[in-house]
Amino acid sequence: MKAVIVCTSVSHGNTRRIADVMGQVLEAPVVEPEQVDTAELSGCDLVGFGSGIFTGNFHPRLLQFVRSLPAGEQRRKAFVFATSGLPELRFRPFTRPLVRLLGGKGFEAGDTFSCRGFDTWLPFRLVGGINKGRPGAPDLDAARTFAEGLRARTGAAS
């Protein structure tokens, strides 16, 4: 199976480190939204979409890219991943809007992954940031396990 990971990582490289681990397991390249041709995605069996979380939302570049995708007629497998300074809230999970947006574009994006990341967004900058050292080894191991599960369920990367 062919897989690709579309990732926007801008602050501290948190999300890119997670994407790289997943990419190794899935044998998938990790690309920025501007580096992938939307037609190329139609040939993929599995596509990952991820970024850091900014004020409860995915990065605008990633969201704009997904909004620009043509609606697909056949359902393709996708997954969503994120890093954030604060935990995902049960009553307002930050992954839900992107999963829904992808659903409207012809993707089945039932699998999601998130972990904490180093965050220096105000007001955290005043105290030197939060979650220093994250994502760390346990987070990277969790990302690896998540990707191994994806590979086993979808047959991505033999």
C-alpha atoms as a PDB file:
ATOM      1  CA  MET A   1       0.000   0.000   0.000  1.00  0.00           C
ATOM      2  CA  LYS A   2       1.077   3.542  -0.632  1.00  0.00           C
ATOM      3  CA  ALA A   3       1.002   6.017   2.253  1.00  0.00           C
ATOM      4  CA  VAL A   4       1.936   9.668   2.784  1.00  0.00           C
ATOM      5  CA  ILE A   5       1.894  11.947   5.818  1.00  0.00           C
ATOM      6  CA  VAL A   6       0.992  15.622   5.408  1.00  0.00           C
ATOM      7  CA  CYS A   7       2.390  17.559   8.368  1.00  0.00           C
ATOM      8  CA  THR A   8       2.659  21.180   9.433  1.00  0.00           C
ATOM      9  CA  SER A   9       5.148  21.643  12.273  1.00  0.00           C
ATOM     10  CA  VAL A  10       6.140  25.233  12.943  1.00  0.00           C
ATOM     11  CA  SER A  11       7.003  26.016  16.559  1.00  0.00           C
ATOM     12  CA  HIS A  12       9.431  23.516  18.061  1.00  0.00           C
ATOM     13  CA  GLY A  13       9.372  20.542  15.667  1.00  0.00           C
ATOM     14  CA  ASN A  14       7.125  18.576  18.038  1.00  0.00           C
ATOM     15  CA  THR A  15       4.702  17.355  15.401  1.00  0.00           C
ATOM     16  CA  ARG A  16       7.433  16.622  12.867  1.00  0.00           C
ATOM     17  CA  ARG A  17       9.141  14.258  15.320  1.00  0.00           C
ATOM     18  CA  ILE A  18       5.879  12.348  15.752  1.00  0.00           C
ATOM     19  CA  ALA A  19       5.279  12.329  11.970  1.00  0.00           C
ATOM     20  CA  ASP A  20       8.808  11.050  11.290  1.00  0.00           C
ATOM     21  CA  VAL A  21       8.323   8.084  13.630  1.00  0.00           C
ATOM     22  CA  MET A  22       4.990   7.247  12.014  1.00  0.00           C
ATOM     23  CA  GLY A  23       6.518   7.680   8.568  1.00  0.00           C
ATOM     24  CA  GLN A  24       9.278   5.194   9.364  1.00  0.00           C
ATOM     25  CA  VAL A  25       6.774   2.564  10.455  1.00  0.00           C
ATOM     26  CA  LEU A  26       4.465   3.162   7.475  1.00  0.00           C
ATOM     27  CA  GLU A  27       7.349   3.659   5.008  1.00  0.00           C
ATOM     28  CA  ALA A  28       5.651   6.930   4.109  1.00  0.00           C
ATOM     29  CA  PRO A  29       7.222  10.257   3.202  1.00  0.00           C
ATOM     30  CA  VAL A  30       6.433  13.194   5.475  1.00  0.00           C
ATOM     31  CA  VAL A  31       5.602  16.315   3.477  1.00  0.00           C
ATOM     32  CA  GLU A  32       4.396  19.853   4.066  1.00  0.00           C
ATOM     33  CA  PRO A  33       0.997  20.712   2.549  1.00  0.00           C
ATOM     34  CA  GLU A  34       2.699  22.863  -0.095  1.00  0.00           C
ATOM     35  CA  GLN A  35       4.896  19.945  -1.176  1.00  0.00           C
ATOM     36  CA  VAL A  36       2.149  17.520  -2.143  1.00  0.00           C
ATOM     37  CA  ASP A  37       0.079  17.498  -5.288  1.00  0.00           C
ATOM     38  CA  THR A  38      -3.570  16.863  -4.427  1.00  0.00           C
ATOM     39  CA  ALA A  39      -3.802  14.442  -7.361  1.00  0.00           C
ATOM     40  CA  GLU A  40      -1.001  12.415  -5.770  1.00  0.00           C
ATOM     41  CA  LEU A  41      -3.190  11.777  -2.727  1.00  0.00           C
ATOM     42  CA  SER A  42      -5.788  10.001  -4.851  1.00  0.00           C
ATOM     43  CA  GLY A  43      -3.235   7.249  -5.464  1.00  0.00           C
ATOM     44  CA  CYS A  44      -2.603   6.717  -1.762  1.00  0.00           C
ATOM     45  CA  ASP A  45      -4.224   4.011   0.307  1.00  0.00           C
ATOM     46  CA  LEU A  46      -3.503   5.786   3.594  1.00  0.00           C
ATOM     47  CA  VAL A  47      -2.929   9.487   4.271  1.00  0.00           C
ATOM     48  CA  GLY A  48      -1.982  11.069   7.596  1.00  0.00           C
ATOM     49  CA  PHE A  49      -2.804  14.686   8.415  1.00  0.00           C
ATOM     50  CA  GLY A  50      -1.254  16.426  11.403  1.00  0.00           C
ATOM     51  CA  SER A  51      -0.070  19.628  13.001  1.00  0.00           C
ATOM     52  CA  GLY A  52       0.394  21.284  16.320  1.00  0.00           C
ATOM     53  CA  ILE A  53      -2.684  22.689  17.989  1.00  0.00           C
ATOM     54  CA  PHE A  54      -3.010  26.467  18.136  1.00  0.00           C
ATOM     55  CA  THR A  55      -5.735  27.883  20.391  1.00  0.00           C
ATOM     56  CA  GLY A  56      -7.632  24.611  20.099  1.00  0.00           C
ATOM     57  CA  ASN A  57      -7.331  24.249  16.318  1.00  0.00           C
ATOM     58  CA  PHE A  58      -5.077  22.633  13.761  1.00  0.00           C
ATOM     59  CA  HIS A  59      -2.633  24.921  11.974  1.00  0.00           C
ATOM     60  CA  PRO A  60      -4.333  27.126   9.332  1.00  0.00           C
ATOM     61  CA  ARG A  61      -2.004  25.877   6.545  1.00  0.00           C
ATOM     62  CA  LEU A  62      -3.082  22.295   7.120  1.00  0.00           C
ATOM     63  CA  LEU A  63      -6.760  23.229   7.328  1.00  0.00           C
ATOM     64  CA  GLN A  64      -6.531  25.294   4.142  1.00  0.00           C
ATOM     65  CA  PHE A  65      -4.880  22.389   2.354  1.00  0.00           C
ATOM     66  CA  VAL A  66      -7.621  19.973   3.403  1.00  0.00           C
ATOM     67  CA  ARG A  67     -10.327  22.469   2.419  1.00  0.00           C
ATOM     68  CA  SER A  68      -8.719  22.740  -1.039  1.00  0.00           C
ATOM     69  CA  LEU A  69      -8.900  19.000  -1.667  1.00  0.00           C
ATOM     70  CA  PRO A  70     -11.542  17.895  -4.155  1.00  0.00           C
ATOM     71  CA  ALA A  71     -14.338  15.763  -2.767  1.00  0.00           C
ATOM     72  CA  GLY A  72     -13.530  12.127  -3.420  1.00  0.00           C
ATOM     73  CA  GLU A  73     -16.027   9.573  -4.593  1.00  0.00           C
ATOM     74  CA  GLN A  74     -14.261   6.555  -3.148  1.00  0.00           C
ATOM     75  CA  ARG A  75     -13.533   6.312   0.559  1.00  0.00           C
ATOM     76  CA  ARG A  76      -9.825   6.432   1.352  1.00  0.00           C
ATOM     77  CA  LYS A  77      -8.262   5.671   4.717  1.00  0.00           C
ATOM     78  CA  ALA A  78      -6.791   8.560   6.664  1.00  0.00           C
ATOM     79  CA  PHE A  79      -5.621   9.323  10.167  1.00  0.00           C
ATOM     80  CA  VAL A  80      -5.261  12.525  12.130  1.00  0.00           C
ATOM     81  CA  PHE A  81      -2.532  13.358  14.626  1.00  0.00           C
ATOM     82  CA  ALA A  82      -1.544  16.345  16.723  1.00  0.00           C
ATOM     83  CA  THR A  83       0.730  17.658  19.416  1.00  0.00           C
ATOM     84  CA  SER A  84      -0.472  20.218  21.916  1.00  0.00           C
ATOM     85  CA  GLY A  85       0.555  21.974  25.060  1.00  0.00           C
ATOM     86  CA  LEU A  86      -2.723  21.212  26.760  1.00  0.00           C
ATOM     87  CA  PRO A  87      -4.666  17.951  26.738  1.00  0.00           C
ATOM     88  CA  GLU A  88      -7.561  17.357  24.378  1.00  0.00           C
ATOM     89  CA  LEU A  89     -10.865  18.106  26.090  1.00  0.00           C
ATOM     90  CA  ARG A  90     -13.509  15.370  26.068  1.00  0.00           C
ATOM     91  CA  PHE A  91     -16.345  17.800  25.395  1.00  0.00           C
ATOM     92  CA  ARG A  92     -14.416  19.564  22.584  1.00  0.00           C
ATOM     93  CA  PRO A  93     -11.800  17.271  21.080  1.00  0.00           C
ATOM     94  CA  PHE A  94      -9.575  19.258  18.744  1.00  0.00           C
ATOM     95  CA  THR A  95      -9.305  16.312  16.337  1.00  0.00           C
ATOM     96  CA  ARG A  96     -13.056  16.162  15.637  1.00  0.00           C
ATOM     97  CA  PRO A  97     -13.351  19.132  13.215  1.00  0.00           C
ATOM     98  CA  LEU A  98     -10.513  17.843  11.001  1.00  0.00           C
ATOM     99  CA  VAL A  99     -11.934  14.310  11.016  1.00  0.00           C
ATOM    100  CA  ARG A 100     -15.291  15.721   9.887  1.00  0.00           C
ATOM    101  CA  LEU A 101     -13.679  17.910   7.236  1.00  0.00           C
ATOM    102  CA  LEU A 102     -11.787  14.911   5.864  1.00  0.00           C
ATOM    103  CA  GLY A 103     -14.999  12.877   5.855  1.00  0.00           C
ATOM    104  CA  GLY A 104     -16.531  15.455   3.535  1.00  0.00           C
ATOM    105  CA  LYS A 105     -13.564  15.026   1.212  1.00  0.00           C
ATOM    106  CA  GLY A 106     -13.963  11.272   0.878  1.00  0.00           C
ATOM    107  CA  PHE A 107     -11.657  10.065   3.649  1.00  0.00           C
ATOM    108  CA  GLU A 108     -12.393   7.618   6.445  1.00  0.00           C
ATOM    109  CA  ALA A 109     -10.449   9.208   9.283  1.00  0.00           C
ATOM    110  CA  GLY A 110     -11.471   7.203  12.318  1.00  0.00           C
ATOM    111  CA  ASP A 111      -7.991   6.820  13.800  1.00  0.00           C
ATOM    112  CA  THR A 112      -6.528   9.729  15.757  1.00  0.00           C
ATOM    113  CA  PHE A 113      -3.395  10.250  17.824  1.00  0.00           C
ATOM    114  CA  SER A 114      -2.360  13.133  20.034  1.00  0.00           C
ATOM    115  CA  CYS A 115       0.285  13.762  22.622  1.00  0.00           C
ATOM    116  CA  ARG A 116       1.632  16.659  24.600  1.00  0.00           C
ATOM    117  CA  GLY A 117       4.381  18.842  23.195  1.00  0.00           C
ATOM    118  CA  PHE A 118       6.652  21.631  24.377  1.00  0.00           C
ATOM    119  CA  ASP A 119       4.607  24.822  24.248  1.00  0.00           C
ATOM    120  CA  THR A 120       5.772  28.418  24.599  1.00  0.00           C
ATOM    121  CA  TRP A 121       2.576  30.142  23.479  1.00  0.00           C
ATOM    122  CA  LEU A 122       1.548  33.047  25.682  1.00  0.00           C
ATOM    123  CA  PRO A 123       1.038  32.925  28.632  1.00  0.00           C
ATOM    124  CA  PHE A 124       3.289  29.841  28.872  1.00  0.00           C
ATOM    125  CA  ARG A 125       6.225  31.834  27.497  1.00  0.00           C
ATOM    126  CA  LEU A 126       6.262  33.854  30.716  1.00  0.00           C
ATOM    127  CA  VAL A 127       7.272  30.739  32.674  1.00  0.00           C
ATOM    128  CA  GLY A 128       9.626  29.275  30.047  1.00  0.00           C
ATOM    129  CA  GLY A 129       7.007  27.047  28.456  1.00  0.00           C
ATOM    130  CA  ILE A 130       5.262  23.867  29.480  1.00  0.00           C
ATOM    131  CA  ASN A 131       5.917  20.212  28.711  1.00  0.00           C
ATOM    132  CA  LYS A 132       9.659  20.631  28.336  1.00  0.00           C
ATOM    133  CA  GLY A 133      11.185  17.544  26.761  1.00  0.00           C
ATOM    134  CA  ARG A 134       7.931  16.504  25.095  1.00  0.00           C
ATOM    135  CA  PRO A 135       7.329  14.692  22.942  1.00  0.00           C
ATOM    136  CA  GLY A 136       9.786  12.397  24.651  1.00  0.00           C
ATOM    137  CA  ALA A 137      10.652   8.728  24.300  1.00  0.00           C
ATOM    138  CA  PRO A 138       7.317   7.477  25.717  1.00  0.00           C
ATOM    139  CA  ASP A 139       5.403   9.731  23.285  1.00  0.00           C
ATOM    140  CA  LEU A 140       7.490   8.555  20.334  1.00  0.00           C
ATOM    141  CA  ASP A 141       6.958   4.936  21.394  1.00  0.00           C
ATOM    142  CA  ALA A 142       3.200   5.572  21.562  1.00  0.00           C
ATOM    143  CA  ALA A 143       3.298   7.108  18.062  1.00  0.00           C
ATOM    144  CA  ARG A 144       5.228   4.069  16.808  1.00  0.00           C
ATOM    145  CA  THR A 145       2.673   1.698  18.352  1.00  0.00           C
ATOM    146  CA  PHE A 146      -0.184   3.731  16.842  1.00  0.00           C
ATOM    147  CA  ALA A 147       1.416   3.537  13.373  1.00  0.00           C
ATOM    148  CA  GLU A 148       2.068  -0.201  13.753  1.00  0.00           C
ATOM    149  CA  GLY A 149      -1.628  -0.639  14.493  1.00  0.00           C
ATOM    150  CA  LEU A 150      -2.532   1.384  11.395  1.00  0.00           C
ATOM    151  CA  ARG A 151      -0.182  -0.716   9.295  1.00  0.00           C
ATOM    152  CA  ALA A 152      -1.676  -3.946  10.641  1.00  0.00           C
ATOM    153  CA  ARG A 153      -5.274  -2.794  10.016  1.00  0.00           C
ATOM    154  CA  THR A 154      -4.761  -1.261   6.576  1.00  0.00           C
ATOM    155  CA  GLY A 155      -1.906  -3.315   5.172  1.00  0.00           C
ATOM    156  CA  ALA A 156       0.096  -0.121   4.575  1.00  0.00           C
ATOM    157  CA  ALA A 157       3.777  -0.752   3.912  1.00  0.00           C
ATOM    158  CA  SER A 158       4.456  -4.435   3.800  1.00  0.00           C
END
